[in-house]
N, C-alpha and C. Protein backbone atom coordinates (compact mmCIF):
# COMPACT_ATOMS: atom_id res chain seq x y z
N MET A 1 24.46 -13.78 -7.51
CA MET A 1 25.63 -13.55 -6.59
C MET A 1 25.07 -13.70 -5.24
N HIS A 2 26.86 -14.07 -4.50
CA HIS A 2 26.80 -14.60 -3.25
C HIS A 2 26.87 -13.20 -2.62
N ALA A 3 26.68 -12.82 -1.42
CA ALA A 3 26.91 -12.02 -0.44
C ALA A 3 27.49 -12.30 0.82
N GLU A 4 28.15 -11.60 1.00
CA GLU A 4 29.06 -12.12 2.58
C GLU A 4 27.83 -12.34 3.33
N GLU A 5 27.39 -11.56 3.35
CA GLU A 5 26.75 -11.30 4.76
C GLU A 5 24.82 -10.64 4.32
N ALA A 6 23.96 -11.53 4.64
CA ALA A 6 22.53 -11.63 4.55
C ALA A 6 21.91 -9.82 4.61
N SER A 7 21.29 -9.38 3.78
CA SER A 7 20.90 -8.17 4.36
C SER A 7 19.81 -7.33 3.43
N LEU A 8 19.83 -7.45 2.04
CA LEU A 8 18.89 -6.81 1.24
C LEU A 8 18.21 -8.09 0.57
N VAL A 9 16.95 -7.99 0.78
CA VAL A 9 16.14 -9.35 0.29
C VAL A 9 14.97 -9.05 -0.66
N VAL A 10 15.32 -9.75 -1.97
CA VAL A 10 13.56 -9.18 -2.93
C VAL A 10 12.72 -10.31 -2.61
N VAL A 11 11.73 -10.11 -2.31
CA VAL A 11 10.71 -11.41 -1.92
C VAL A 11 9.73 -11.53 -2.92
N ASP A 12 9.16 -12.30 -4.02
CA ASP A 12 8.39 -12.36 -5.09
C ASP A 12 7.06 -13.20 -4.12
N VAL A 13 5.94 -12.50 -4.21
CA VAL A 13 4.76 -12.95 -3.86
C VAL A 13 3.78 -13.88 -4.79
N VAL A 14 3.61 -14.92 -4.69
CA VAL A 14 2.45 -15.13 -5.77
C VAL A 14 1.34 -16.15 -4.70
N ALA A 15 -0.25 -15.42 -4.95
CA ALA A 15 -0.93 -15.50 -4.15
C ALA A 15 -2.38 -15.50 -4.99
N PRO A 16 -3.58 -16.14 -4.18
CA PRO A 16 -4.85 -16.23 -4.65
C PRO A 16 -5.43 -15.59 -5.22
N ASP A 17 -5.70 -13.85 -4.13
CA ASP A 17 -5.80 -12.63 -4.74
C ASP A 17 -5.33 -11.60 -4.15
N ASP A 18 -6.09 -10.60 -4.31
CA ASP A 18 -4.59 -9.40 -4.02
C ASP A 18 -4.84 -9.32 -2.11
N THR A 19 -6.07 -9.16 -1.50
CA THR A 19 -5.84 -9.40 -0.40
C THR A 19 -4.90 -10.47 0.38
N THR A 20 -4.71 -11.82 -0.20
CA THR A 20 -3.93 -12.31 0.75
C THR A 20 -2.14 -12.00 0.54
N ALA A 21 -2.43 -11.34 -1.10
CA ALA A 21 -0.85 -11.61 -1.11
C ALA A 21 -0.49 -9.91 -0.70
N LEU A 22 -1.03 -8.87 -0.38
CA LEU A 22 -1.10 -7.63 0.28
C LEU A 22 -1.19 -7.78 1.68
N ALA A 23 -1.77 -8.97 2.03
CA ALA A 23 -1.55 -9.28 3.69
C ALA A 23 0.14 -9.49 4.27
N PHE A 24 0.50 -10.51 3.27
CA PHE A 24 1.39 -11.45 3.48
C PHE A 24 2.42 -10.33 3.74
N GLN A 25 2.67 -9.59 2.82
CA GLN A 25 3.40 -8.08 2.43
C GLN A 25 3.85 -7.13 3.70
N GLN A 26 2.35 -7.21 4.55
CA GLN A 26 2.25 -6.33 5.58
C GLN A 26 2.51 -7.27 6.83
N LEU A 27 2.56 -8.64 6.70
CA LEU A 27 3.07 -9.00 7.62
C LEU A 27 4.78 -9.41 7.78
N LEU A 28 5.74 -9.74 6.94
CA LEU A 28 6.93 -8.69 6.12
C LEU A 28 7.13 -7.27 7.04
N ALA A 29 6.17 -6.29 6.73
CA ALA A 29 6.68 -5.15 6.65
C ALA A 29 6.39 -4.75 8.29
N SER A 30 6.33 -5.90 9.16
CA SER A 30 5.67 -5.28 10.48
C SER A 30 6.68 -5.91 10.82
N ARG A 31 7.39 -6.60 10.90
CA ARG A 31 9.01 -7.35 10.35
C ARG A 31 10.56 -6.73 10.64
N TRP A 32 10.02 -6.27 9.36
CA TRP A 32 11.56 -5.61 8.24
C TRP A 32 11.40 -4.38 8.31
N ALA A 33 12.35 -3.27 8.05
CA ALA A 33 12.23 -2.56 7.40
C ALA A 33 11.78 -2.84 5.55
N THR A 34 10.64 -2.34 5.14
CA THR A 34 10.23 -3.01 3.19
C THR A 34 9.81 -1.98 2.89
N ALA A 35 10.09 -1.96 1.25
CA ALA A 35 10.19 -1.29 0.31
C ALA A 35 8.71 -2.18 -0.26
N PRO A 36 7.39 -1.68 0.17
CA PRO A 36 6.43 -2.20 -0.21
C PRO A 36 5.71 -1.90 -1.78
N ALA A 37 5.22 -3.00 -2.14
CA ALA A 37 4.50 -3.28 -3.83
C ALA A 37 3.14 -2.22 -3.51
N GLN A 38 3.18 -1.40 -3.81
CA GLN A 38 1.82 -0.70 -4.26
C GLN A 38 0.42 -1.29 -4.81
N HIS A 39 0.90 -2.08 -5.90
CA HIS A 39 -0.05 -3.41 -6.34
C HIS A 39 0.26 -4.46 -6.94
N THR A 40 -0.94 -5.43 -6.90
CA THR A 40 -0.31 -7.07 -7.59
C THR A 40 -0.45 -6.59 -8.97
N ARG A 41 -0.52 -7.42 -9.68
CA ARG A 41 -0.26 -7.42 -10.85
C ARG A 41 -0.57 -9.05 -11.19
N GLY A 42 -1.51 -9.19 -12.26
CA GLY A 42 -1.99 -10.86 -12.82
C GLY A 42 -1.16 -11.31 -13.63
N ASP A 43 -1.34 -12.35 -13.98
CA ASP A 43 -0.43 -12.75 -15.76
C ASP A 43 -1.64 -13.08 -16.62
N VAL A 44 -2.18 -12.51 -17.94
CA VAL A 44 -2.73 -13.14 -18.68
C VAL A 44 -2.96 -14.92 -18.62
N GLY A 45 -4.19 -15.34 -18.13
CA GLY A 45 -4.08 -17.11 -18.65
C GLY A 45 -3.81 -17.52 -17.77
N GLN A 46 -3.34 -16.89 -16.23
CA GLN A 46 -2.58 -17.67 -15.13
C GLN A 46 -3.51 -16.89 -14.17
N PRO A 47 -4.00 -18.51 -13.57
CA PRO A 47 -4.52 -18.08 -12.01
C PRO A 47 -3.43 -17.14 -10.86
N GLY A 48 -4.34 -16.23 -10.02
CA GLY A 48 -3.40 -15.73 -9.03
C GLY A 48 -3.19 -14.19 -9.58
N VAL A 49 -2.66 -13.80 -8.33
CA VAL A 49 -1.42 -12.29 -8.75
C VAL A 49 -0.40 -12.60 -8.26
N ARG A 50 0.61 -11.96 -8.74
CA ARG A 50 1.96 -11.31 -7.98
C ARG A 50 2.17 -10.60 -7.57
N LEU A 51 3.09 -10.25 -6.36
CA LEU A 51 4.00 -8.81 -6.31
C LEU A 51 5.15 -8.99 -5.84
N ARG A 52 6.14 -7.85 -5.89
CA ARG A 52 7.40 -8.12 -5.62
C ARG A 52 7.66 -7.09 -4.52
N CYS A 53 8.18 -7.17 -3.02
CA CYS A 53 8.77 -6.25 -1.85
C CYS A 53 10.31 -6.66 -1.79
N PHE A 54 10.87 -5.43 -1.55
CA PHE A 54 12.13 -5.29 -1.21
C PHE A 54 12.44 -5.23 0.49
N LEU A 55 12.94 -5.87 1.01
CA LEU A 55 13.27 -6.02 2.75
C LEU A 55 14.63 -5.56 3.12
N ASP A 56 15.17 -5.35 4.00
CA ASP A 56 16.28 -5.27 4.86
C ASP A 56 16.35 -5.76 5.91
N LEU A 57 17.10 -6.35 5.73
CA LEU A 57 17.07 -7.15 7.17
C LEU A 57 17.84 -7.10 8.15
N ARG A 58 18.58 -6.00 7.82
CA ARG A 58 19.56 -5.34 9.21
C ARG A 58 18.98 -4.47 9.94
N GLN A 59 17.55 -3.94 9.13
CA GLN A 59 16.67 -3.39 9.92
C GLN A 59 15.49 -4.01 10.92
N PRO A 60 15.51 -4.72 11.13
CA PRO A 60 14.19 -5.74 12.20
C PRO A 60 13.67 -4.54 12.66
N LEU A 61 12.08 -4.60 12.95
CA LEU A 61 11.80 -4.03 13.43
C LEU A 61 10.96 -4.28 15.18
N ASP A 62 11.26 -2.97 15.98
CA ASP A 62 10.72 -3.53 17.27
C ASP A 62 9.01 -3.75 16.85
N SER A 63 8.82 -4.92 18.29
CA SER A 63 7.62 -5.62 18.16
C SER A 63 6.59 -4.76 19.01
């Protein structure tokens, strides 16, 4: 679906481990209002982990 204005974004992260995935999510959360994932998940037979978080680009956080 095409939106007239970029605002809400779904971010799917694939990383080699929990630490990396959660660190990347924290980096996003330091810049925009974020609904963070609490846990990563792994797919059987696949390397790495995944997580999904949601950003609101209309709400940048002050540095």
